[in-house]
Amino acid sequence: MIVVKLKGGLGNQMFQHAFGKALETCLNYKVFYDRSWFYQNFAGTTPRELKLNEFELSLQYIKYKKPIFKGKIGRLIKFLKQAISLEPKYIKVNEETFVLDQIKDKNDYYFEGYWQNPQYFEGIRETILKDFSFPELKNPEDADLHDQIATCESVAVHIRRGDYINNPAINQFHGTCSFEYYQKAAEYIVSKFPNAKFFLFTDDPEFVKNNFGFLSNATVVSNSTRSDIDELNLMHLCKHFIIANSSFSWWGAWLSQNPEKIVIAPPKWFNNVEADKKCKIVPENWVRI
């Protein structure tokens, strides 16, 4: 039995599912998912909801039982249950290395991580595209945006703020993309496509409206009422991409099926130096500026 833990926002959940699908496809394992993270409160983390179910996926979840005892007593009870086979004893695997090369035997594994490496699922792109097929856009405003995006040299620009700004620990680890990055990226796009039109996606629309006037021929797409999955749907329909250091806009760019797309990514993904050195999230054919 293999279990992949789900956690984080929609983009992170999509990476975890894609990794689980790679395990199923490449190693012929049946993968189950643990959604217990969404029922717990962790200090310093941003509250999230399980969003994968908005795609038409047939996921199998392990049962979640809220622990009666916590701390040392809870861990002792869990150990005793595993010792007498009342609970499965998993081999826990972290994401320090490319783990698909390591799984050789039929043990019970528990994978906890973000698995933000497209090499895991590069051989099953069509399967992942099918899994992440979007539901139909129902809002008339979104249908109009769809038409605009489809009929011009559309460029999705993602500005991630939220907890990247408001949470000091998250800000220190992730950091944010600078205005200079967006300016240089836009200049690069315009040098290739002078008629480019920019569609701005963000979790802070007011900030973007007040501070991104340097992007001419631009439309702020995001609002407080649109669902994450509809936002991602509109984003992936664009022809080109200027992404943030965010798994959300990463998926917007990766899911695009435009063979001529230009994807621009920030020069570093994490503000944390050690994490950035290990990061494998950006494909080689994307442009780093």
C-alpha atoms as a PDB file:
ATOM      1  CA  MET A   1       0.000   0.000   0.000  1.00  0.00           C
ATOM      2  CA  ILE A   2       1.277   3.458  -0.893  1.00  0.00           C
ATOM      3  CA  VAL A   3      -0.041   6.670   0.653  1.00  0.00           C
ATOM      4  CA  VAL A   4       0.667  10.207  -0.566  1.00  0.00           C
ATOM      5  CA  LYS A   5      -0.102  13.020   1.843  1.00  0.00           C
ATOM      6  CA  LEU A   6      -2.060  15.984   0.472  1.00  0.00           C
ATOM      7  CA  LYS A   7      -1.390  19.438   1.874  1.00  0.00           C
ATOM      8  CA  GLY A   8      -1.125  23.087   0.887  1.00  0.00           C
ATOM      9  CA  GLY A   9      -3.008  25.030  -1.767  1.00  0.00           C
ATOM     10  CA  LEU A  10      -4.377  23.854  -5.097  1.00  0.00           C
ATOM     11  CA  GLY A  11      -1.013  23.994  -6.906  1.00  0.00           C
ATOM     12  CA  ASN A  12       0.692  21.913  -4.226  1.00  0.00           C
ATOM     13  CA  GLN A  13      -2.147  19.386  -4.228  1.00  0.00           C
ATOM     14  CA  MET A  14      -1.803  19.048  -8.001  1.00  0.00           C
ATOM     15  CA  PHE A  15       1.906  18.244  -7.664  1.00  0.00           C
ATOM     16  CA  GLN A  16       1.138  15.635  -5.019  1.00  0.00           C
ATOM     17  CA  HIS A  17      -1.492  14.001  -7.216  1.00  0.00           C
ATOM     18  CA  ALA A  18       0.794  14.051 -10.277  1.00  0.00           C
ATOM     19  CA  PHE A  19       3.490  12.372  -8.189  1.00  0.00           C
ATOM     20  CA  GLY A  20       0.988   9.756  -6.996  1.00  0.00           C
ATOM     21  CA  LYS A  21      -0.108   9.131 -10.597  1.00  0.00           C
ATOM     22  CA  ALA A  22       3.549   8.636 -11.551  1.00  0.00           C
ATOM     23  CA  LEU A  23       3.896   6.023  -8.805  1.00  0.00           C
ATOM     24  CA  GLU A  24       0.811   4.222 -10.080  1.00  0.00           C
ATOM     25  CA  THR A  25       1.811   4.369 -13.732  1.00  0.00           C
ATOM     26  CA  CYS A  26       5.538   3.732 -13.573  1.00  0.00           C
ATOM     27  CA  LEU A  27       5.692   1.267 -10.674  1.00  0.00           C
ATOM     28  CA  ASN A  28       2.275  -0.385 -10.926  1.00  0.00           C
ATOM     29  CA  TYR A  29       1.290   0.567  -7.383  1.00  0.00           C
ATOM     30  CA  LYS A  30      -2.175   1.426  -6.109  1.00  0.00           C
ATOM     31  CA  VAL A  31      -1.939   4.844  -4.498  1.00  0.00           C
ATOM     32  CA  PHE A  32      -4.130   6.148  -1.684  1.00  0.00           C
ATOM     33  CA  TYR A  33      -4.201   9.733  -0.435  1.00  0.00           C
ATOM     34  CA  ASP A  34      -4.161  11.108   3.092  1.00  0.00           C
ATOM     35  CA  ARG A  35      -6.240  14.286   3.478  1.00  0.00           C
ATOM     36  CA  SER A  36      -5.908  14.571   7.271  1.00  0.00           C
ATOM     37  CA  TRP A  37      -3.785  17.762   6.941  1.00  0.00           C
ATOM     38  CA  PHE A  38      -6.914  19.728   6.004  1.00  0.00           C
ATOM     39  CA  TYR A  39      -8.659  18.768   9.249  1.00  0.00           C
ATOM     40  CA  GLN A  40      -5.821  19.886  11.511  1.00  0.00           C
ATOM     41  CA  ASN A  41      -4.494  23.250  12.617  1.00  0.00           C
ATOM     42  CA  PHE A  42      -0.753  23.809  12.297  1.00  0.00           C
ATOM     43  CA  ALA A  43       0.842  26.913  13.759  1.00  0.00           C
ATOM     44  CA  GLY A  44       2.396  29.173  11.143  1.00  0.00           C
ATOM     45  CA  THR A  45       0.656  27.587   8.140  1.00  0.00           C
ATOM     46  CA  THR A  46      -1.945  29.161   5.886  1.00  0.00           C
ATOM     47  CA  PRO A  47      -5.372  27.464   6.205  1.00  0.00           C
ATOM     48  CA  ARG A  48      -6.298  25.660   2.968  1.00  0.00           C
ATOM     49  CA  GLU A  49      -9.133  23.552   1.617  1.00  0.00           C
ATOM     50  CA  LEU A  50      -8.924  20.327  -0.348  1.00  0.00           C
ATOM     51  CA  LYS A  51      -9.481  21.480  -3.935  1.00  0.00           C
ATOM     52  CA  LEU A  52      -8.478  18.433  -5.979  1.00  0.00           C
ATOM     53  CA  ASN A  53     -12.045  17.155  -5.879  1.00  0.00           C
ATOM     54  CA  GLU A  54     -13.039  20.006  -8.209  1.00  0.00           C
ATOM     55  CA  PHE A  55     -11.344  18.020 -10.960  1.00  0.00           C
ATOM     56  CA  GLU A  56     -13.064  14.792 -11.989  1.00  0.00           C
ATOM     57  CA  LEU A  57     -10.572  12.497 -10.286  1.00  0.00           C
ATOM     58  CA  SER A  58     -11.248   9.083  -8.790  1.00  0.00           C
ATOM     59  CA  LEU A  59      -9.050   9.327  -5.731  1.00  0.00           C
ATOM     60  CA  GLN A  60      -9.074   6.805  -2.922  1.00  0.00           C
ATOM     61  CA  TYR A  61      -8.462   8.202   0.542  1.00  0.00           C
ATOM     62  CA  ILE A  62      -7.321   6.475   3.695  1.00  0.00           C
ATOM     63  CA  LYS A  63      -9.680   6.948   6.606  1.00  0.00           C
ATOM     64  CA  TYR A  64      -8.918   9.798   8.955  1.00  0.00           C
ATOM     65  CA  LYS A  65      -9.571   9.303  12.643  1.00  0.00           C
ATOM     66  CA  LYS A  66      -9.036  12.364  14.803  1.00  0.00           C
ATOM     67  CA  PRO A  67      -6.557  11.307  17.507  1.00  0.00           C
ATOM     68  CA  ILE A  68      -7.912  11.269  21.038  1.00  0.00           C
ATOM     69  CA  PHE A  69      -4.447  11.596  22.559  1.00  0.00           C
ATOM     70  CA  LYS A  70      -1.722  13.932  21.333  1.00  0.00           C
ATOM     71  CA  GLY A  71       1.963  14.410  22.015  1.00  0.00           C
ATOM     72  CA  LYS A  72       4.054  11.603  23.521  1.00  0.00           C
ATOM     73  CA  ILE A  73       1.015   9.574  24.616  1.00  0.00           C
ATOM     74  CA  GLY A  74      -0.503   9.736  21.137  1.00  0.00           C
ATOM     75  CA  ARG A  75       2.769   8.648  19.498  1.00  0.00           C
ATOM     76  CA  LEU A  76       3.113   5.765  21.971  1.00  0.00           C
ATOM     77  CA  ILE A  77      -0.428   4.533  21.256  1.00  0.00           C
ATOM     78  CA  LYS A  78       0.223   4.688  17.509  1.00  0.00           C
ATOM     79  CA  PHE A  79       3.485   2.747  17.935  1.00  0.00           C
ATOM     80  CA  LEU A  80       1.726   0.032  19.961  1.00  0.00           C
ATOM     81  CA  LYS A  81      -1.061  -0.298  17.382  1.00  0.00           C
ATOM     82  CA  GLN A  82       1.503  -0.697  14.622  1.00  0.00           C
ATOM     83  CA  ALA A  83       3.455  -3.235  16.692  1.00  0.00           C
ATOM     84  CA  ILE A  84       0.398  -5.484  17.017  1.00  0.00           C
ATOM     85  CA  SER A  85      -0.713  -4.816  13.411  1.00  0.00           C
ATOM     86  CA  LEU A  86      -3.813  -2.778  14.235  1.00  0.00           C
ATOM     87  CA  GLU A  87      -2.417  -0.061  11.977  1.00  0.00           C
ATOM     88  CA  PRO A  88      -0.156  -0.423   8.925  1.00  0.00           C
ATOM     89  CA  LYS A  89       3.492   0.452   9.540  1.00  0.00           C
ATOM     90  CA  TYR A  90       4.688   2.592   6.655  1.00  0.00           C
ATOM     91  CA  ILE A  91       8.176   3.278   5.429  1.00  0.00           C
ATOM     92  CA  LYS A  92       8.213   7.062   5.369  1.00  0.00           C
ATOM     93  CA  VAL A  93       9.928   8.599   2.350  1.00  0.00           C
ATOM     94  CA  ASN A  94      11.047  12.219   2.083  1.00  0.00           C
ATOM     95  CA  GLU A  95      11.816  14.128  -1.099  1.00  0.00           C
ATOM     96  CA  GLU A  96      15.538  14.707  -0.743  1.00  0.00           C
ATOM     97  CA  THR A  97      16.299  12.663  -3.862  1.00  0.00           C
ATOM     98  CA  PHE A  98      14.553  11.403  -6.978  1.00  0.00           C
ATOM     99  CA  VAL A  99      12.583   8.685  -5.190  1.00  0.00           C
ATOM    100  CA  LEU A 100      11.117   6.827  -8.189  1.00  0.00           C
ATOM    101  CA  ASP A 101      14.536   5.264  -8.697  1.00  0.00           C
ATOM    102  CA  GLN A 102      14.599   3.961  -5.127  1.00  0.00           C
ATOM    103  CA  ILE A 103      11.264   2.157  -4.805  1.00  0.00           C
ATOM    104  CA  LYS A 104      12.076  -1.430  -5.696  1.00  0.00           C
ATOM    105  CA  ASP A 105      10.097  -3.654  -3.342  1.00  0.00           C
ATOM    106  CA  LYS A 106       6.478  -4.135  -2.307  1.00  0.00           C
ATOM    107  CA  ASN A 107       6.442  -2.460   1.090  1.00  0.00           C
ATOM    108  CA  ASP A 108       3.955  -0.008   2.551  1.00  0.00           C
ATOM    109  CA  TYR A 109       5.186   3.530   1.852  1.00  0.00           C
ATOM    110  CA  TYR A 110       4.037   6.902   3.122  1.00  0.00           C
ATOM    111  CA  PHE A 111       5.144   9.907   1.048  1.00  0.00           C
ATOM    112  CA  GLU A 112       5.025  13.327   2.668  1.00  0.00           C
ATOM    113  CA  GLY A 113       6.298  16.278   0.669  1.00  0.00           C
ATOM    114  CA  TYR A 114       5.509  18.639  -2.166  1.00  0.00           C
ATOM    115  CA  TRP A 115       7.195  16.678  -5.004  1.00  0.00           C
ATOM    116  CA  GLN A 116       7.664  19.773  -7.137  1.00  0.00           C
ATOM    117  CA  ASN A 117       9.740  18.151  -9.842  1.00  0.00           C
ATOM    118  CA  PRO A 118       8.172  17.699 -13.307  1.00  0.00           C
ATOM    119  CA  GLN A 119      10.633  14.890 -14.025  1.00  0.00           C
ATOM    120  CA  TYR A 120       8.430  12.638 -11.923  1.00  0.00           C
ATOM    121  CA  PHE A 121       5.583  12.807 -14.422  1.00  0.00           C
ATOM    122  CA  GLU A 122       7.216  13.989 -17.660  1.00  0.00           C
ATOM    123  CA  GLY A 123       6.560  10.598 -19.269  1.00  0.00           C
ATOM    124  CA  ILE A 124       2.812  10.721 -18.571  1.00  0.00           C
ATOM    125  CA  ARG A 125       1.988  14.272 -19.663  1.00  0.00           C
ATOM    126  CA  GLU A 126      -1.151  13.244 -21.557  1.00  0.00           C
ATOM    127  CA  THR A 127      -2.458  11.419 -18.488  1.00  0.00           C
ATOM    128  CA  ILE A 128      -1.882  14.453 -16.262  1.00  0.00           C
ATOM    129  CA  LEU A 129      -3.521  16.771 -18.805  1.00  0.00           C
ATOM    130  CA  LYS A 130      -6.562  14.492 -18.811  1.00  0.00           C
ATOM    131  CA  ASP A 131      -6.681  14.345 -15.008  1.00  0.00           C
ATOM    132  CA  PHE A 132      -6.567  18.127 -14.792  1.00  0.00           C
ATOM    133  CA  SER A 133      -9.260  18.804 -17.385  1.00  0.00           C
ATOM    134  CA  PHE A 134     -11.187  21.885 -16.308  1.00  0.00           C
ATOM    135  CA  PRO A 135     -14.943  22.124 -15.820  1.00  0.00           C
ATOM    136  CA  GLU A 136     -16.822  24.482 -18.109  1.00  0.00           C
ATOM    137  CA  LEU A 137     -16.684  28.192 -17.270  1.00  0.00           C
ATOM    138  CA  LYS A 138     -20.202  29.178 -16.196  1.00  0.00           C
ATOM    139  CA  ASN A 139     -19.809  32.870 -15.353  1.00  0.00           C
ATOM    140  CA  PRO A 140     -20.615  35.155 -18.351  1.00  0.00           C
ATOM    141  CA  GLU A 141     -17.731  37.446 -17.357  1.00  0.00           C
ATOM    142  CA  ASP A 142     -15.340  34.502 -17.496  1.00  0.00           C
ATOM    143  CA  ALA A 143     -16.689  33.454 -20.889  1.00  0.00           C
ATOM    144  CA  ASP A 144     -15.927  36.964 -22.166  1.00  0.00           C
ATOM    145  CA  LEU A 145     -12.403  36.786 -20.747  1.00  0.00           C
ATOM    146  CA  HIS A 146     -11.990  33.397 -22.419  1.00  0.00           C
ATOM    147  CA  ASP A 147     -12.810  34.978 -25.786  1.00  0.00           C
ATOM    148  CA  GLN A 148     -10.383  37.855 -25.197  1.00  0.00           C
ATOM    149  CA  ILE A 149      -7.583  35.489 -24.232  1.00  0.00           C
ATOM    150  CA  ALA A 150      -8.207  33.257 -27.233  1.00  0.00           C
ATOM    151  CA  THR A 151      -8.214  36.050 -29.801  1.00  0.00           C
ATOM    152  CA  CYS A 152      -5.019  37.963 -28.932  1.00  0.00           C
ATOM    153  CA  GLU A 153      -1.352  37.370 -28.104  1.00  0.00           C
ATOM    154  CA  SER A 154      -2.315  36.768 -24.489  1.00  0.00           C
ATOM    155  CA  VAL A 155       0.231  36.682 -21.679  1.00  0.00           C
ATOM    156  CA  ALA A 156      -0.686  35.462 -18.194  1.00  0.00           C
ATOM    157  CA  VAL A 157       1.152  37.374 -15.465  1.00  0.00           C
ATOM    158  CA  HIS A 158       0.926  35.994 -11.922  1.00  0.00           C
ATOM    159  CA  ILE A 159       1.640  38.212  -8.905  1.00  0.00           C
ATOM    160  CA  ARG A 160       1.650  36.162  -5.704  1.00  0.00           C
ATOM    161  CA  ARG A 161       1.322  38.031  -2.420  1.00  0.00           C
ATOM    162  CA  GLY A 162      -0.953  36.871   0.426  1.00  0.00           C
ATOM    163  CA  ASP A 163       1.008  34.836   2.975  1.00  0.00           C
ATOM    164  CA  TYR A 164       4.214  35.467   0.987  1.00  0.00           C
ATOM    165  CA  ILE A 165       3.885  39.033   2.327  1.00  0.00           C
ATOM    166  CA  ASN A 166       1.845  38.713   5.524  1.00  0.00           C
ATOM    167  CA  ASN A 167       3.577  35.755   7.194  1.00  0.00           C
ATOM    168  CA  PRO A 168       7.158  36.666   8.208  1.00  0.00           C
ATOM    169  CA  ALA A 169       8.390  33.042   8.250  1.00  0.00           C
ATOM    170  CA  ILE A 170       6.880  32.265   4.842  1.00  0.00           C
ATOM    171  CA  ASN A 171       8.213  35.549   3.445  1.00  0.00           C
ATOM    172  CA  GLN A 172      11.709  34.733   4.665  1.00  0.00           C
ATOM    173  CA  PHE A 173      11.613  31.278   3.089  1.00  0.00           C
ATOM    174  CA  HIS A 174       9.852  32.020  -0.219  1.00  0.00           C
ATOM    175  CA  GLY A 175      10.358  35.709  -0.873  1.00  0.00           C
ATOM    176  CA  THR A 176       8.461  37.531  -3.629  1.00  0.00           C
ATOM    177  CA  CYS A 177       9.187  38.517  -7.216  1.00  0.00           C
ATOM    178  CA  SER A 178      10.414  42.072  -7.705  1.00  0.00           C
ATOM    179  CA  PHE A 179       8.974  44.781  -9.921  1.00  0.00           C
ATOM    180  CA  GLU A 180      12.239  44.591 -11.873  1.00  0.00           C
ATOM    181  CA  TYR A 181      11.558  40.936 -12.654  1.00  0.00           C
ATOM    182  CA  TYR A 182       8.119  41.710 -14.082  1.00  0.00           C
ATOM    183  CA  GLN A 183       9.444  44.679 -16.063  1.00  0.00           C
ATOM    184  CA  LYS A 184      12.270  42.653 -17.638  1.00  0.00           C
ATOM    185  CA  ALA A 185       9.938  39.717 -18.345  1.00  0.00           C
ATOM    186  CA  ALA A 186       7.386  41.994 -20.032  1.00  0.00           C
ATOM    187  CA  GLU A 187      10.098  43.629 -22.137  1.00  0.00           C
ATOM    188  CA  TYR A 188      11.278  40.196 -23.242  1.00  0.00           C
ATOM    189  CA  ILE A 189       7.776  39.176 -24.284  1.00  0.00           C
ATOM    190  CA  VAL A 190       7.123  42.432 -26.136  1.00  0.00           C
ATOM    191  CA  SER A 191      10.430  42.057 -28.013  1.00  0.00           C
ATOM    192  CA  LYS A 192       9.043  38.800 -29.400  1.00  0.00           C
ATOM    193  CA  PHE A 193       5.382  39.794 -29.661  1.00  0.00           C
ATOM    194  CA  PRO A 194       4.849  43.589 -29.970  1.00  0.00           C
ATOM    195  CA  ASN A 195       1.050  43.145 -29.813  1.00  0.00           C
ATOM    196  CA  ALA A 196       1.139  41.193 -26.549  1.00  0.00           C
ATOM    197  CA  LYS A 197      -1.736  41.777 -24.142  1.00  0.00           C
ATOM    198  CA  PHE A 198      -1.162  41.069 -20.454  1.00  0.00           C
ATOM    199  CA  PHE A 199      -3.742  39.369 -18.231  1.00  0.00           C
ATOM    200  CA  LEU A 200      -2.884  39.827 -14.552  1.00  0.00           C
ATOM    201  CA  PHE A 201      -3.703  37.097 -12.036  1.00  0.00           C
ATOM    202  CA  THR A 202      -3.180  37.752  -8.332  1.00  0.00           C
ATOM    203  CA  ASP A 203      -4.410  37.193  -4.797  1.00  0.00           C
ATOM    204  CA  ASP A 204      -4.171  40.964  -4.208  1.00  0.00           C
ATOM    205  CA  PRO A 205      -6.062  42.752  -7.034  1.00  0.00           C
ATOM    206  CA  GLU A 206      -6.052  46.192  -5.375  1.00  0.00           C
ATOM    207  CA  PHE A 207      -2.289  46.167  -4.965  1.00  0.00           C
ATOM    208  CA  VAL A 208      -1.826  45.142  -8.595  1.00  0.00           C
ATOM    209  CA  LYS A 209      -4.214  47.822  -9.863  1.00  0.00           C
ATOM    210  CA  ASN A 210      -2.278  50.459  -7.932  1.00  0.00           C
ATOM    211  CA  ASN A 211       1.262  49.269  -8.681  1.00  0.00           C
ATOM    212  CA  PHE A 212       1.413  47.553 -12.084  1.00  0.00           C
ATOM    213  CA  GLY A 213       0.602  50.514 -14.301  1.00  0.00           C
ATOM    214  CA  PHE A 214       3.976  50.017 -15.998  1.00  0.00           C
ATOM    215  CA  LEU A 215       2.387  47.088 -17.887  1.00  0.00           C
ATOM    216  CA  SER A 216       0.553  48.695 -20.772  1.00  0.00           C
ATOM    217  CA  ASN A 217      -2.259  46.888 -22.573  1.00  0.00           C
ATOM    218  CA  ALA A 218      -3.091  44.978 -19.392  1.00  0.00           C
ATOM    219  CA  THR A 219      -6.242  43.602 -17.756  1.00  0.00           C
ATOM    220  CA  VAL A 220      -6.544  42.602 -14.097  1.00  0.00           C
ATOM    221  CA  VAL A 221      -8.417  39.308 -14.228  1.00  0.00           C
ATOM    222  CA  SER A 222      -8.622  38.294 -10.573  1.00  0.00           C
ATOM    223  CA  ASN A 223     -11.452  39.119  -8.207  1.00  0.00           C
ATOM    224  CA  SER A 224     -12.637  37.872  -4.848  1.00  0.00           C
ATOM    225  CA  THR A 225     -15.521  35.752  -6.160  1.00  0.00           C
ATOM    226  CA  ARG A 226     -13.895  33.486  -8.759  1.00  0.00           C
ATOM    227  CA  SER A 227     -12.890  29.984  -7.650  1.00  0.00           C
ATOM    228  CA  ASP A 228      -9.255  28.885  -7.772  1.00  0.00           C
ATOM    229  CA  ILE A 229     -10.004  26.299 -10.421  1.00  0.00           C
ATOM    230  CA  ASP A 230     -11.711  28.837 -12.731  1.00  0.00           C
ATOM    231  CA  GLU A 231      -8.818  31.245 -12.191  1.00  0.00           C
ATOM    232  CA  LEU A 232      -6.339  28.534 -13.151  1.00  0.00           C
ATOM    233  CA  ASN A 233      -8.495  27.595 -16.129  1.00  0.00           C
ATOM    234  CA  LEU A 234      -8.369  31.151 -17.505  1.00  0.00           C
ATOM    235  CA  MET A 235      -4.661  31.369 -16.826  1.00  0.00           C
ATOM    236  CA  HIS A 236      -3.761  28.181 -18.696  1.00  0.00           C
ATOM    237  CA  LEU A 237      -5.668  29.375 -21.782  1.00  0.00           C
ATOM    238  CA  CYS A 238      -3.152  32.200 -22.305  1.00  0.00           C
ATOM    239  CA  LYS A 239      -0.511  31.797 -24.996  1.00  0.00           C
ATOM    240  CA  HIS A 240       2.494  32.890 -22.913  1.00  0.00           C
ATOM    241  CA  PHE A 241       3.342  33.185 -19.221  1.00  0.00           C
ATOM    242  CA  ILE A 242       5.214  35.286 -16.701  1.00  0.00           C
ATOM    243  CA  ILE A 243       4.911  33.207 -13.557  1.00  0.00           C
ATOM    244  CA  ALA A 244       5.640  33.916  -9.909  1.00  0.00           C
ATOM    245  CA  ASN A 245       7.575  31.579  -7.612  1.00  0.00           C
ATOM    246  CA  SER A 246       4.267  29.817  -7.053  1.00  0.00           C
ATOM    247  CA  SER A 247       3.034  26.319  -7.847  1.00  0.00           C
ATOM    248  CA  PHE A 248      -0.303  27.849  -8.871  1.00  0.00           C
ATOM    249  CA  SER A 249       1.068  29.765 -11.861  1.00  0.00           C
ATOM    250  CA  TRP A 250       3.547  26.955 -12.550  1.00  0.00           C
ATOM    251  CA  TRP A 251       0.577  24.724 -13.328  1.00  0.00           C
ATOM    252  CA  GLY A 252      -1.075  27.429 -15.395  1.00  0.00           C
ATOM    253  CA  ALA A 253       1.998  27.473 -17.642  1.00  0.00           C
ATOM    254  CA  TRP A 254       2.627  23.723 -17.667  1.00  0.00           C
ATOM    255  CA  LEU A 255      -0.979  22.869 -18.577  1.00  0.00           C
ATOM    256  CA  SER A 256      -0.924  25.210 -21.562  1.00  0.00           C
ATOM    257  CA  GLN A 257      -0.890  23.208 -24.787  1.00  0.00           C
ATOM    258  CA  ASN A 258       0.406  26.032 -26.958  1.00  0.00           C
ATOM    259  CA  PRO A 259       3.523  24.503 -28.614  1.00  0.00           C
ATOM    260  CA  GLU A 260       4.985  27.985 -29.184  1.00  0.00           C
ATOM    261  CA  LYS A 261       4.512  29.246 -25.637  1.00  0.00           C
ATOM    262  CA  ILE A 262       7.152  31.291 -23.863  1.00  0.00           C
ATOM    263  CA  VAL A 263       7.269  30.764 -20.122  1.00  0.00           C
ATOM    264  CA  ILE A 264       9.323  33.159 -18.009  1.00  0.00           C
ATOM    265  CA  ALA A 265      10.182  32.165 -14.453  1.00  0.00           C
ATOM    266  CA  PRO A 266      11.988  34.116 -11.706  1.00  0.00           C
ATOM    267  CA  PRO A 267      15.762  33.675 -11.307  1.00  0.00           C
ATOM    268  CA  LYS A 268      15.312  31.945  -7.954  1.00  0.00           C
ATOM    269  CA  TRP A 269      12.338  29.966  -6.710  1.00  0.00           C
ATOM    270  CA  PHE A 270      13.026  30.170  -2.985  1.00  0.00           C
ATOM    271  CA  ASN A 271      14.539  32.974  -0.969  1.00  0.00           C
ATOM    272  CA  ASN A 272      16.086  30.270   1.210  1.00  0.00           C
ATOM    273  CA  VAL A 273      19.465  29.555  -0.409  1.00  0.00           C
ATOM    274  CA  GLU A 274      19.663  25.840   0.442  1.00  0.00           C
ATOM    275  CA  ALA A 275      16.097  25.150  -0.710  1.00  0.00           C
ATOM    276  CA  ASP A 276      16.715  27.036  -3.944  1.00  0.00           C
ATOM    277  CA  LYS A 277      19.843  24.985  -4.702  1.00  0.00           C
ATOM    278  CA  LYS A 278      17.834  21.759  -4.455  1.00  0.00           C
ATOM    279  CA  CYS A 279      14.848  23.079  -6.403  1.00  0.00           C
ATOM    280  CA  LYS A 280      14.100  21.267  -9.699  1.00  0.00           C
ATOM    281  CA  ILE A 281      10.716  22.806 -10.457  1.00  0.00           C
ATOM    282  CA  VAL A 282      11.556  24.938 -13.517  1.00  0.00           C
ATOM    283  CA  PRO A 283      11.849  23.013 -16.827  1.00  0.00           C
ATOM    284  CA  GLU A 284      14.989  23.654 -18.865  1.00  0.00           C
ATOM    285  CA  ASN A 285      13.084  25.145 -21.800  1.00  0.00           C
ATOM    286  CA  TRP A 286      11.549  27.912 -19.669  1.00  0.00           C
ATOM    287  CA  VAL A 287      13.294  31.286 -19.544  1.00  0.00           C
ATOM    288  CA  ARG A 288      14.835  32.508 -16.283  1.00  0.00           C
ATOM    289  CA  ILE A 289      15.101  36.302 -16.001  1.00  0.00           C
END
